[in-house]
Amino acid sequence: MRLIWGWIWPKALAIGIVILLWQALVLTGWRPEYVLPSPGQVMDALITLFGTEKFWQALARTASRAIVGFGVALLIGTAIGLLVARVKTLRMAIGSLITGLQTMPSIAWFPLAILFFGITEQAILFVIVLGAAPSIANGIISGIDNVPPAFTRLGKILGANSFQLYSLIMIPSALPAYISGLTQGWSFAWRSLMAGELLVIIAESPSLGGQLEFARQFSRAADLLATMIVILMIGMLVDTIFSFASTRIRSRRGLTTDR
């Protein structure tokens, strides 16, 4: 219970401070309530959203896009990262390109994606993959680069071949950096997905991004902020899962200290 409380109270305190500042800003009258609703109004809108079938359909659609897009990016990014880390010529050819793709804003890809695929699911998935895969690839490249040379020398002395060096020594040693790359890749994928759902609204395919856009068009500020809170919470939940996995791996390897 002490560990659970130690994990909960900082987050609860941060949420409480945000709500207090939000309410104080509303009370100043800086913006009318139909533009900046109070926390209570947004909470009522959030409860109403949870009671509608359309919201759950939108959540399911967004979640499926995130899972499929990130899954494809995971496969592509991991494969490219392993190849680039392994083949020196390939690294010289496309190593800097991967970093360049990682720094490129995902929204800049949407005109090209719409040109290629039109207003379709493929356009959204295309941008998700381009947003996430470079971060995942760089994570595994960085992890392999930082494996101590003594590990590989010891593996060779013990008779490990090239495949065994990578599968039994290099890749397991690179896991902490790889998980960091996955975390960053997820953040890029989630942001790319939200941008895509705002720009590529497909008929008969409700999504959280589409709900944001409709709330903006019809000036429903409470619904807009309620949907934003849902999007924020999903992103935080997945990030917490990755952080937990990273902490577990680092702890098992003696890379963390109790404070």
Protein backbone atom coordinates (compact mmCIF):
# COMPACT_ATOMS: atom_id res chain seq x y z
CA MET A 1 0.00 0.00 0.00
CA ARG A 2 2.89 2.35 0.74
CA LEU A 3 4.26 1.80 -2.76
CA ILE A 4 0.86 2.36 -4.35
CA TRP A 5 0.31 5.53 -2.35
CA GLY A 6 3.80 6.75 -3.22
CA TRP A 7 2.93 6.31 -6.89
CA ILE A 8 -0.54 7.90 -6.68
CA TRP A 9 -0.13 10.98 -4.49
CA PRO A 10 2.30 12.98 -6.72
CA LYS A 11 -0.03 12.52 -9.69
CA ALA A 12 -3.10 13.36 -7.62
CA LEU A 13 -1.35 16.49 -6.32
CA ALA A 14 -0.42 17.58 -9.84
CA ILE A 15 -4.00 17.05 -11.07
CA GLY A 16 -5.35 19.00 -8.09
CA ILE A 17 -3.02 21.94 -8.78
CA VAL A 18 -4.04 22.00 -12.46
CA ILE A 19 -7.74 21.97 -11.55
CA LEU A 20 -7.28 24.80 -9.03
CA LEU A 21 -5.38 26.94 -11.54
CA TRP A 22 -7.98 26.16 -14.19
CA GLN A 23 -10.84 27.17 -11.89
CA ALA A 24 -9.01 30.33 -10.88
CA LEU A 25 -8.54 31.24 -14.54
CA VAL A 26 -12.25 30.72 -15.16
CA LEU A 27 -13.14 32.96 -12.20
CA THR A 28 -11.03 35.79 -13.59
CA GLY A 29 -13.37 36.01 -16.55
CA TRP A 30 -10.45 35.95 -18.99
CA ARG A 31 -12.67 34.10 -21.45
CA PRO A 32 -16.46 33.55 -21.39
CA GLU A 33 -17.59 30.15 -20.10
CA TYR A 34 -18.78 29.00 -23.53
CA VAL A 35 -15.11 29.31 -24.62
CA LEU A 36 -13.39 28.26 -21.38
CA PRO A 37 -15.79 26.12 -19.32
CA SER A 38 -15.15 25.31 -15.68
CA PRO A 39 -13.71 21.96 -14.53
CA GLY A 40 -17.17 20.98 -13.28
CA GLN A 41 -18.75 21.59 -16.68
CA VAL A 42 -16.03 19.57 -18.40
CA MET A 43 -16.48 16.74 -15.91
CA ASP A 44 -20.23 16.69 -16.64
CA ALA A 45 -19.43 16.59 -20.38
CA LEU A 46 -16.97 13.75 -19.78
CA ILE A 47 -19.57 11.70 -17.89
CA THR A 48 -22.07 12.34 -20.69
CA LEU A 49 -19.52 11.19 -23.27
CA PHE A 50 -18.94 7.96 -21.37
CA GLY A 51 -22.65 7.26 -21.60
CA THR A 52 -22.86 7.51 -25.40
CA GLU A 53 -22.30 4.63 -27.81
CA LYS A 54 -20.68 6.92 -30.37
CA PHE A 55 -17.88 7.80 -27.94
CA TRP A 56 -16.98 4.16 -27.39
CA GLN A 57 -17.05 3.54 -31.12
CA ALA A 58 -14.71 6.49 -31.62
CA LEU A 59 -12.42 5.25 -28.84
CA ALA A 60 -12.33 1.75 -30.35
CA ARG A 61 -11.52 3.12 -33.80
CA THR A 62 -8.72 5.32 -32.51
CA ALA A 63 -7.30 2.52 -30.37
CA SER A 64 -7.31 0.08 -33.30
CA ARG A 65 -5.50 2.60 -35.49
CA ALA A 66 -2.93 3.20 -32.77
CA ILE A 67 -2.31 -0.53 -32.22
CA VAL A 68 -2.03 -1.39 -35.91
CA GLY A 69 0.08 1.66 -36.79
CA PHE A 70 2.44 1.26 -33.86
CA GLY A 71 2.68 -2.49 -34.48
CA VAL A 72 3.74 -1.96 -38.09
CA ALA A 73 6.18 0.77 -37.01
CA LEU A 74 7.59 -1.60 -34.38
CA LEU A 75 8.32 -4.29 -36.96
CA ILE A 76 9.78 -1.90 -39.54
CA GLY A 77 11.75 0.19 -37.04
CA THR A 78 13.23 -2.85 -35.32
CA ALA A 79 14.24 -4.49 -38.60
CA ILE A 80 15.83 -1.30 -39.93
CA GLY A 81 17.58 -0.64 -36.62
CA LEU A 82 19.11 -4.11 -36.52
CA LEU A 83 20.26 -3.89 -40.12
CA VAL A 84 21.77 -0.43 -39.74
CA ALA A 85 23.51 -1.39 -36.51
CA ARG A 86 24.87 -4.54 -38.14
CA VAL A 87 25.89 -3.32 -41.63
CA LYS A 88 28.42 -0.47 -41.61
CA THR A 89 27.78 0.49 -45.25
CA LEU A 90 24.05 0.72 -44.62
CA ARG A 91 24.66 2.96 -41.61
CA MET A 92 26.79 5.30 -43.69
CA ALA A 93 24.07 5.38 -46.34
CA ILE A 94 20.90 5.94 -44.30
CA GLY A 95 21.97 6.50 -40.68
CA SER A 96 21.54 10.28 -40.87
CA LEU A 97 18.36 9.86 -42.92
CA ILE A 98 16.72 7.99 -40.04
CA THR A 99 17.52 10.85 -37.67
CA GLY A 100 16.23 13.34 -40.23
CA LEU A 101 12.94 11.47 -40.53
CA GLN A 102 12.65 11.41 -36.73
CA THR A 103 12.94 15.19 -36.50
CA MET A 104 10.49 15.87 -39.34
CA PRO A 105 7.03 16.98 -38.11
CA SER A 106 4.54 14.22 -38.78
CA ILE A 107 1.90 16.65 -40.01
CA ALA A 108 4.18 17.54 -42.91
CA TRP A 109 3.64 14.02 -44.29
CA PHE A 110 -0.12 14.30 -44.57
CA PRO A 111 -0.31 16.16 -47.90
CA LEU A 112 1.81 13.38 -49.43
CA ALA A 113 -0.18 10.66 -47.65
CA ILE A 114 -3.49 12.08 -48.90
CA LEU A 115 -2.01 12.37 -52.41
CA PHE A 116 -0.94 8.71 -52.31
CA PHE A 117 -3.91 7.14 -50.54
CA GLY A 118 -6.68 9.73 -50.53
CA ILE A 119 -8.99 10.22 -47.52
CA THR A 120 -8.53 6.66 -46.26
CA GLU A 121 -7.28 4.65 -43.29
CA GLN A 122 -4.06 3.96 -45.19
CA ALA A 123 -3.20 7.66 -45.22
CA ILE A 124 -3.37 7.79 -41.41
CA LEU A 125 -1.41 4.56 -40.93
CA PHE A 126 1.24 5.75 -43.40
CA VAL A 127 1.96 8.82 -41.27
CA ILE A 128 1.85 6.89 -37.99
CA VAL A 129 4.51 4.49 -39.28
CA LEU A 130 6.70 7.30 -40.61
CA GLY A 131 6.39 9.11 -37.28
CA ALA A 132 7.19 6.15 -35.02
CA ALA A 133 9.55 3.85 -36.94
CA PRO A 134 12.61 6.18 -36.98
CA SER A 135 12.50 6.61 -33.18
CA ILE A 136 12.28 2.85 -32.67
CA ALA A 137 15.15 2.28 -35.11
CA ASN A 138 17.32 4.89 -33.42
CA GLY A 139 16.57 3.35 -30.03
CA ILE A 140 17.88 -0.06 -30.98
CA ILE A 141 20.85 1.44 -32.87
CA SER A 142 21.80 3.48 -29.81
CA GLY A 143 21.36 0.47 -27.55
CA ILE A 144 23.60 -1.76 -29.66
CA ASP A 145 26.22 0.99 -30.01
CA ASN A 146 26.45 1.22 -26.22
CA VAL A 147 26.91 -2.48 -25.54
CA PRO A 148 30.33 -2.83 -23.85
CA PRO A 149 32.89 -4.35 -26.27
CA ALA A 150 33.94 -6.75 -23.49
CA PHE A 151 30.58 -8.50 -23.85
CA THR A 152 31.12 -9.32 -27.51
CA ARG A 153 34.74 -10.33 -26.95
CA LEU A 154 33.66 -12.69 -24.21
CA GLY A 155 30.98 -14.13 -26.47
CA LYS A 156 33.51 -14.82 -29.20
CA ILE A 157 35.87 -16.46 -26.72
CA LEU A 158 33.02 -18.74 -25.63
CA GLY A 159 32.41 -19.71 -29.25
CA ALA A 160 29.34 -17.66 -30.14
CA ASN A 161 28.74 -17.13 -33.86
CA SER A 162 27.44 -13.88 -35.38
CA PHE A 163 23.79 -14.81 -34.92
CA GLN A 164 24.33 -15.84 -31.31
CA LEU A 165 26.26 -12.65 -30.57
CA TYR A 166 23.26 -10.59 -31.66
CA SER A 167 20.46 -12.76 -30.33
CA LEU A 168 22.02 -13.68 -26.98
CA ILE A 169 24.30 -10.73 -26.17
CA MET A 170 23.78 -7.58 -28.26
CA ILE A 171 19.98 -7.41 -28.37
CA PRO A 172 19.39 -8.30 -24.69
CA SER A 173 22.04 -5.76 -23.67
CA ALA A 174 20.37 -3.11 -25.82
CA LEU A 175 16.92 -3.61 -24.24
CA PRO A 176 16.93 -0.52 -21.94
CA ALA A 177 17.70 1.80 -24.87
CA TYR A 178 15.27 -0.13 -27.07
CA ILE A 179 12.45 0.40 -24.56
CA SER A 180 13.29 4.13 -24.51
CA GLY A 181 13.03 4.11 -28.30
CA LEU A 182 9.65 2.38 -28.06
CA THR A 183 8.44 5.00 -25.60
CA GLN A 184 9.50 7.82 -27.88
CA GLY A 185 8.10 5.98 -30.88
CA TRP A 186 4.74 5.64 -29.14
CA SER A 187 4.64 9.38 -28.41
CA PHE A 188 5.30 10.15 -32.08
CA ALA A 189 2.73 7.58 -33.19
CA TRP A 190 0.05 8.98 -30.85
CA ARG A 191 0.67 12.56 -31.96
CA SER A 192 0.68 11.51 -35.61
CA LEU A 193 -2.60 9.67 -35.12
CA MET A 194 -4.30 12.66 -33.51
CA ALA A 195 -3.10 14.97 -36.29
CA GLY A 196 -4.30 12.45 -38.84
CA GLU A 197 -7.75 12.12 -37.33
CA LEU A 198 -8.13 15.89 -37.33
CA LEU A 199 -7.15 16.18 -41.00
CA VAL A 200 -8.44 12.91 -42.46
CA ILE A 201 -12.05 12.52 -41.33
CA ILE A 202 -13.56 9.41 -42.88
CA ALA A 203 -17.33 9.12 -43.21
CA GLU A 204 -18.98 6.49 -41.01
CA SER A 205 -15.73 6.08 -39.09
CA PRO A 206 -15.95 8.02 -35.80
CA SER A 207 -12.71 8.74 -33.94
CA LEU A 208 -11.47 10.82 -31.03
CA GLY A 209 -9.76 13.24 -33.41
CA GLY A 210 -12.95 13.54 -35.41
CA GLN A 211 -14.89 14.31 -32.22
CA LEU A 212 -12.39 17.08 -31.45
CA GLU A 213 -12.94 18.64 -34.84
CA PHE A 214 -16.73 18.41 -34.64
CA ALA A 215 -16.72 19.92 -31.14
CA ARG A 216 -14.64 22.82 -32.47
CA GLN A 217 -16.91 23.38 -35.46
CA PHE A 218 -20.03 23.49 -33.28
CA SER A 219 -18.32 25.50 -30.49
CA ARG A 220 -18.87 22.82 -27.83
CA ALA A 221 -15.91 23.73 -25.67
CA ALA A 222 -16.82 21.38 -22.80
CA ASP A 223 -17.00 18.37 -25.15
CA LEU A 224 -13.75 19.43 -26.78
CA LEU A 225 -11.89 19.63 -23.48
CA ALA A 226 -13.44 16.38 -22.25
CA THR A 227 -12.19 14.57 -25.38
CA MET A 228 -8.76 16.14 -24.93
CA ILE A 229 -8.65 14.77 -21.38
CA VAL A 230 -9.42 11.27 -22.69
CA ILE A 231 -6.64 11.57 -25.28
CA LEU A 232 -4.22 12.79 -22.61
CA MET A 233 -5.09 9.97 -20.22
CA ILE A 234 -4.61 7.29 -22.89
CA GLY A 235 -1.20 8.70 -23.77
CA MET A 236 -0.20 8.81 -20.11
CA LEU A 237 -1.44 5.26 -19.50
CA VAL A 238 0.61 3.76 -22.33
CA ASP A 239 3.65 5.82 -21.32
CA THR A 240 3.29 4.46 -17.77
CA ILE A 241 3.32 0.91 -19.13
CA PHE A 242 6.54 1.56 -21.04
CA SER A 243 8.08 3.29 -18.03
CA PHE A 244 7.20 0.33 -15.81
CA ALA A 245 8.80 -2.08 -18.31
CA SER A 246 11.93 0.07 -18.50
CA THR A 247 12.20 0.29 -14.71
CA ARG A 248 11.81 -3.47 -14.35
CA ILE A 249 14.53 -4.18 -16.90
CA ARG A 250 16.90 -1.65 -15.38
CA SER A 251 16.20 -2.94 -11.88
CA ARG A 252 16.91 -6.53 -12.86
CA ARG A 253 20.27 -5.40 -14.23
CA GLY A 254 21.23 -3.35 -11.22
CA LEU A 255 20.91 -0.04 -13.04
CA THR A 256 18.55 1.59 -10.54
CA THR A 257 19.05 2.67 -6.94
CA ASP A 258 16.55 2.94 -4.11
CA ARG A 259 16.05 6.51 -2.97
